[in-house]
Structure formats: C-alpha cells, structure tokens
Amino acid sequence: MDLNVDNTRNYSGSGNERAGVQNNGAGELNNLFMTLLVAQIQNQDPLNPTDGTEYVGQLAQMTQVQSMETMSKLMQNNSVLMDNLQVLSTAGLVGQSVMVQTDTIQVEDQEINGRLTLGQSANVVTVTVKDSAGVQHKIELGKQESGSVDFTINPKELGLAPGEYTISVVTDIGEENVPVEIAGTVNNVRIPLEGGSALVNVSGLGEVPFYKVSQFGPTNNPSSNNPKQGVLS
C-alpha cells in the first residue's frame, strides 16, 4: 500500500508541474502581446496614426485567447483531479471482489466464476475456452433466457493446464460478441509512472485496466444455476 501512496504523490505532482509550466507560458504570452502593442503605439506614424478600433480589436482577440487558455487549464486541472480521485478510489480495492469484462483468463488450480449476458433467449449456449495451441474446451449451458447467465470454469474437470486462455460464447441463434465477465479478487493496484488509467491485478485475470472493472463486490454463486462442466472438443 505504501507503494500505491508514493505513486499517487508522484502522479499528482506531475500534474501540478504541468499546470505550473502552462501558467508560465500563458503569462509570457500576455507580456509579449502587451510589449508588442506598446511598441506598435509608440512607433506609429504621427501623421497617420493607427485607428483606435484596431487596438480595440487586438485587445479583444487577446482576451479571447486568454479565455480559451483559461478554459483549457481548467479542463486539464479537472483531468488531474479526476485521475487523483481514481487513484484514491482504487487504493481501497485490494482484497475486494470484482467482476471484469474480458476475453482472456489466467488459469491456475482454482475454479473461475463468470457471467455472460445474452441479448436474446437461446436453446443452446456454449462457453468455449481455448488455449494457445487452439485446443478448445467447452462448457454447455443448454437453454438460457436473455439476460445474465452465470457459469463456472473448473480446470480439473476440463483438464486445463495452468496458463492463459481465451474465452468466448456461441449460441444457436448466432448472437455475436456476447459480453463475458469474470469474477476475481484484487491482489494489488499499480499506478503507471507515465500516467494513465490505474492497473488492477485480479486473480484469474492478471493485470487489467481499472475501467474494465464492471462490478464491485461479490456476485451470486454461479453453482446455483447448476451449469454443466465442459468437455474437451
């Protein structure tokens, strides 16, 4: 947890440093404009002085530029604030149960609980787990109504060796890109030194971006739906 706090400080500091540089740049631009405007007034032809409306127009343009810069700085400051709030919120996730939308899983010895969401009812729903060699292992869920469907991946029953697998869903109605979520426990949270979204290390998934977390807190026990364990295809 100390590492997370240190990274949070570094992350916040980098945002403040960027804001400081931008403030200096805006001040220099304003000073340069005023210097040029004064020089223009001082060096104008006394016999043919510049129309005062031109100066007013230049001042109006400068005011517009300053307003745009102020808006840009406010947006960037808000972005830094949102990033810092995200860091603070993720720091308390360690040890918590979450669900993550994904198409890959990290298989070890433990069962992996998942959930898919059907847009339409289907008579045949199959969860396919495929290893790096292309060997498929299937979990037949049978007939399912539209909505959320829980399932369990049992590595021992499926004969899955430890490693990374892809996961997908096939139905008899041809529904494509069925969303799949996997349940796991947050092991740690890492804040990239170069900035960007926090990375959450979840059991059964590895490291995933924070924005892929679709649910916080435990889900229902998938075994209550009595899903069939797959057979090697």
Protein backbone atom coordinates (compact mmCIF):
# COMPACT_ATOMS: atom_id res chain seq x y z
CA MET A 1 0.00 0.00 0.00
CA ASP A 2 2.94 2.35 0.63
CA LEU A 3 3.97 1.95 -2.99
CA ASN A 4 0.49 2.98 -4.11
CA VAL A 5 0.64 6.10 -1.94
CA ASP A 6 4.07 7.05 -3.30
CA ASN A 7 2.89 6.58 -6.86
CA THR A 8 -0.16 8.69 -6.10
CA ARG A 9 2.05 11.52 -4.92
CA ASN A 10 4.25 11.24 -7.99
CA TYR A 11 1.23 11.16 -10.26
CA SER A 12 -0.35 14.17 -8.61
CA GLY A 13 2.96 16.03 -8.63
CA SER A 14 3.46 15.52 -12.34
CA GLY A 15 0.04 17.04 -12.99
CA ASN A 16 0.83 20.06 -10.82
CA GLU A 17 4.16 20.53 -12.59
CA ARG A 18 2.43 20.51 -15.97
CA ALA A 19 -0.08 23.08 -14.74
CA GLY A 20 2.77 25.30 -13.50
CA VAL A 21 4.55 25.22 -16.85
CA GLN A 22 1.33 26.13 -18.64
CA ASN A 23 0.71 29.05 -16.26
CA ASN A 24 4.20 30.41 -17.01
CA GLY A 25 3.57 30.05 -20.74
CA ALA A 26 0.29 31.97 -20.52
CA GLY A 27 1.96 34.79 -18.56
CA GLU A 28 4.79 35.06 -21.09
CA LEU A 29 2.31 35.23 -23.97
CA ASN A 30 0.38 38.03 -22.25
CA ASN A 31 3.57 40.00 -21.56
CA LEU A 32 4.74 39.57 -25.15
CA PHE A 33 1.42 40.80 -26.51
CA MET A 34 1.44 43.91 -24.32
CA THR A 35 5.07 44.64 -25.24
CA LEU A 36 4.30 44.43 -28.95
CA LEU A 37 1.14 46.53 -28.56
CA VAL A 38 3.01 49.29 -26.70
CA ALA A 39 5.80 49.21 -29.30
CA GLN A 40 3.21 49.49 -32.07
CA ILE A 41 1.64 52.54 -30.43
CA GLN A 42 5.00 54.20 -29.76
CA ASN A 43 6.29 53.66 -33.30
CA GLN A 44 3.17 54.58 -35.24
CA ASP A 45 3.34 57.36 -37.81
CA PRO A 46 2.28 60.58 -36.01
CA LEU A 47 0.96 61.94 -39.33
CA ASN A 48 -1.08 58.81 -39.97
CA PRO A 49 -1.91 57.29 -36.56
CA THR A 50 -3.46 53.87 -36.35
CA ASP A 51 -7.21 53.80 -35.95
CA GLY A 52 -8.09 53.17 -32.30
CA THR A 53 -10.57 50.49 -33.29
CA GLU A 54 -7.65 48.33 -34.45
CA TYR A 55 -6.18 48.38 -30.94
CA VAL A 56 -9.58 47.52 -29.51
CA GLY A 57 -9.83 44.61 -31.95
CA GLN A 58 -6.38 43.34 -30.97
CA LEU A 59 -7.24 43.56 -27.28
CA ALA A 60 -10.48 41.69 -27.92
CA GLN A 61 -8.57 38.94 -29.73
CA MET A 62 -6.09 38.70 -26.88
CA THR A 63 -8.93 38.47 -24.37
CA GLN A 64 -10.48 35.66 -26.41
CA VAL A 65 -7.17 33.78 -26.50
CA GLN A 66 -6.77 34.20 -22.73
CA SER A 67 -10.30 32.90 -22.16
CA MET A 68 -9.57 29.82 -24.26
CA GLU A 69 -6.32 29.22 -22.37
CA THR A 70 -8.12 29.58 -19.05
CA MET A 71 -10.75 27.07 -20.17
CA SER A 72 -8.01 24.68 -21.32
CA LYS A 73 -6.22 24.95 -17.96
CA LEU A 74 -9.46 24.33 -16.08
CA MET A 75 -10.12 21.21 -18.14
CA GLN A 76 -6.58 19.93 -17.56
CA ASN A 77 -6.81 20.66 -13.84
CA ASN A 78 -10.12 18.77 -13.74
CA SER A 79 -8.45 15.88 -15.56
CA VAL A 80 -5.66 15.78 -12.96
CA LEU A 81 -8.27 15.90 -10.19
CA MET A 82 -10.23 13.02 -11.72
CA ASP A 83 -7.04 10.98 -12.09
CA ASN A 84 -6.16 11.59 -8.44
CA LEU A 85 -9.68 10.65 -7.31
CA GLN A 86 -9.41 7.44 -9.34
CA VAL A 87 -6.10 6.64 -7.64
CA LEU A 88 -7.62 7.18 -4.21
CA SER A 89 -10.63 5.01 -5.04
CA THR A 90 -8.53 2.14 -6.41
CA ALA A 91 -6.25 2.10 -3.36
CA GLY A 92 -9.10 0.64 -1.29
CA LEU A 93 -9.82 -2.17 -3.76
CA VAL A 94 -7.08 -4.53 -2.59
CA GLY A 95 -8.69 -7.71 -1.25
CA GLN A 96 -12.10 -6.80 -2.69
CA SER A 97 -14.20 -8.95 -5.05
CA VAL A 98 -14.78 -7.54 -8.53
CA MET A 99 -16.02 -8.59 -11.95
CA VAL A 100 -14.10 -7.68 -15.08
CA GLN A 101 -15.28 -7.75 -18.69
CA THR A 102 -12.66 -9.69 -20.63
CA ASP A 103 -11.99 -12.28 -23.31
CA THR A 104 -8.90 -13.81 -21.67
CA ILE A 105 -8.33 -15.66 -18.40
CA GLN A 106 -5.33 -16.88 -16.40
CA VAL A 107 -5.98 -20.48 -15.34
CA GLU A 108 -4.42 -21.96 -12.20
CA ASP A 109 -5.87 -24.60 -9.86
CA GLN A 110 -8.87 -22.65 -8.56
CA GLU A 111 -12.32 -22.58 -10.15
CA ILE A 112 -13.15 -19.42 -12.08
CA ASN A 113 -16.63 -17.94 -11.83
CA GLY A 114 -18.02 -16.00 -14.74
CA ARG A 115 -21.12 -14.35 -16.14
CA LEU A 116 -22.30 -13.80 -19.69
CA THR A 117 -25.12 -11.55 -20.87
CA LEU A 118 -27.43 -12.70 -23.65
CA GLY A 119 -29.32 -10.21 -25.76
CA GLN A 120 -31.84 -12.89 -26.75
CA SER A 121 -33.02 -16.24 -25.43
CA ALA A 122 -31.24 -19.26 -26.88
CA ASN A 123 -31.77 -23.03 -26.84
CA VAL A 124 -28.05 -23.77 -26.95
CA VAL A 125 -25.43 -21.66 -25.17
CA THR A 126 -21.80 -22.77 -25.19
CA VAL A 127 -18.83 -21.19 -23.42
CA THR A 128 -15.61 -22.01 -25.27
CA VAL A 129 -12.22 -21.84 -23.56
CA LYS A 130 -9.27 -22.04 -26.00
CA ASP A 131 -5.58 -22.43 -25.21
CA SER A 132 -2.61 -21.01 -27.12
CA ALA A 133 -2.43 -24.15 -29.30
CA GLY A 134 -6.04 -23.71 -30.41
CA VAL A 135 -7.41 -26.64 -28.39
CA GLN A 136 -10.98 -25.89 -27.34
CA HIS A 137 -12.72 -26.86 -24.11
CA LYS A 138 -16.48 -26.32 -23.98
CA ILE A 139 -18.99 -25.66 -21.23
CA GLU A 140 -22.52 -26.43 -22.38
CA LEU A 141 -25.09 -24.26 -20.60
CA GLY A 142 -28.12 -25.54 -22.51
CA LYS A 143 -31.22 -23.39 -22.91
CA GLN A 144 -30.99 -19.92 -21.38
CA GLU A 145 -33.22 -16.86 -21.25
CA SER A 146 -31.98 -13.42 -22.24
CA GLY A 147 -30.03 -11.55 -19.58
CA SER A 148 -27.28 -12.63 -17.20
CA VAL A 149 -26.15 -16.27 -17.11
CA ASP A 150 -23.64 -17.50 -14.52
CA PHE A 151 -21.14 -20.27 -15.20
CA THR A 152 -18.12 -21.93 -13.62
CA ILE A 153 -14.83 -22.99 -15.19
CA ASN A 154 -13.38 -26.00 -13.33
CA PRO A 155 -9.78 -26.51 -14.52
CA LYS A 156 -9.54 -30.05 -13.13
CA GLU A 157 -12.73 -31.32 -14.78
CA LEU A 158 -11.84 -29.65 -18.08
CA GLY A 159 -8.21 -30.77 -17.94
CA LEU A 160 -6.90 -27.23 -18.23
CA ALA A 161 -3.19 -26.76 -17.64
CA PRO A 162 -2.08 -23.51 -15.97
CA GLY A 163 -1.72 -20.68 -18.45
CA GLU A 164 -3.58 -18.07 -20.48
CA TYR A 165 -6.78 -18.93 -22.34
CA THR A 166 -9.25 -17.02 -24.48
CA ILE A 167 -12.94 -17.28 -23.70
CA SER A 168 -15.93 -16.79 -25.99
CA VAL A 169 -19.64 -17.63 -26.22
CA VAL A 170 -21.56 -19.30 -29.05
CA THR A 171 -25.35 -19.62 -29.28
CA ASP A 172 -27.65 -21.44 -31.69
CA ILE A 173 -29.17 -18.13 -32.77
CA GLY A 174 -25.79 -16.79 -33.88
CA GLU A 175 -25.51 -13.96 -31.37
CA GLU A 176 -22.02 -12.46 -31.68
CA ASN A 177 -19.71 -10.72 -29.22
CA VAL A 178 -21.61 -11.88 -26.14
CA PRO A 179 -20.16 -9.93 -23.16
CA VAL A 180 -18.28 -12.12 -20.69
CA GLU A 181 -17.35 -11.05 -17.16
CA ILE A 182 -15.01 -12.94 -14.85
CA ALA A 183 -15.08 -12.71 -11.05
CA GLY A 184 -11.88 -12.37 -9.05
CA THR A 185 -10.17 -10.78 -6.08
CA VAL A 186 -7.99 -7.69 -6.39
CA ASN A 187 -4.42 -8.60 -5.44
CA ASN A 188 -2.86 -5.17 -5.92
CA VAL A 189 -3.23 -1.89 -7.78
CA ARG A 190 -0.47 -0.31 -9.85
CA ILE A 191 -0.33 3.32 -10.97
CA PRO A 192 1.71 3.67 -14.20
CA LEU A 193 4.58 6.12 -13.70
CA GLU A 194 3.91 7.59 -17.15
CA GLY A 195 0.30 8.32 -16.18
CA GLY A 196 -2.92 6.84 -17.50
CA SER A 197 -5.53 4.53 -16.02
CA ALA A 198 -4.73 2.53 -12.88
CA LEU A 199 -3.96 -1.16 -13.47
CA VAL A 200 -5.74 -3.68 -11.25
CA ASN A 201 -4.23 -7.14 -10.70
CA VAL A 202 -7.15 -9.56 -10.38
CA SER A 203 -6.91 -13.26 -9.55
CA GLY A 204 -7.71 -15.39 -12.58
CA LEU A 205 -7.14 -12.46 -14.93
CA GLY A 206 -3.81 -10.82 -14.23
CA GLU A 207 -3.38 -7.08 -14.73
CA VAL A 208 -6.31 -5.22 -16.31
CA PRO A 209 -7.15 -1.50 -16.71
CA PHE A 210 -9.36 -0.10 -13.96
CA TYR A 211 -12.04 0.95 -16.45
CA LYS A 212 -12.68 -2.70 -17.38
CA VAL A 213 -13.99 -3.45 -13.88
CA SER A 214 -17.75 -3.87 -14.37
CA GLN A 215 -18.83 -4.72 -10.81
CA PHE A 216 -17.52 -4.13 -7.30
CA GLY A 217 -18.40 -6.60 -4.57
CA PRO A 218 -19.21 -10.33 -4.66
CA THR A 219 -21.52 -11.81 -7.27
CA ASN A 220 -24.08 -14.58 -6.88
CA ASN A 221 -22.72 -18.11 -6.63
CA PRO A 222 -22.73 -19.47 -10.19
CA SER A 223 -23.15 -23.03 -8.91
CA SER A 224 -26.75 -22.19 -8.01
CA ASN A 225 -27.56 -22.34 -11.73
CA ASN A 226 -26.05 -25.84 -11.97
CA PRO A 227 -24.13 -25.17 -15.19
CA LYS A 228 -22.72 -28.18 -16.99
CA GLN A 229 -18.95 -28.52 -16.88
CA GLY A 230 -17.44 -28.62 -20.35
CA VAL A 231 -15.93 -31.49 -22.24
CA LEU A 232 -12.79 -31.48 -24.36
CA SER A 233 -13.58 -30.93 -28.01
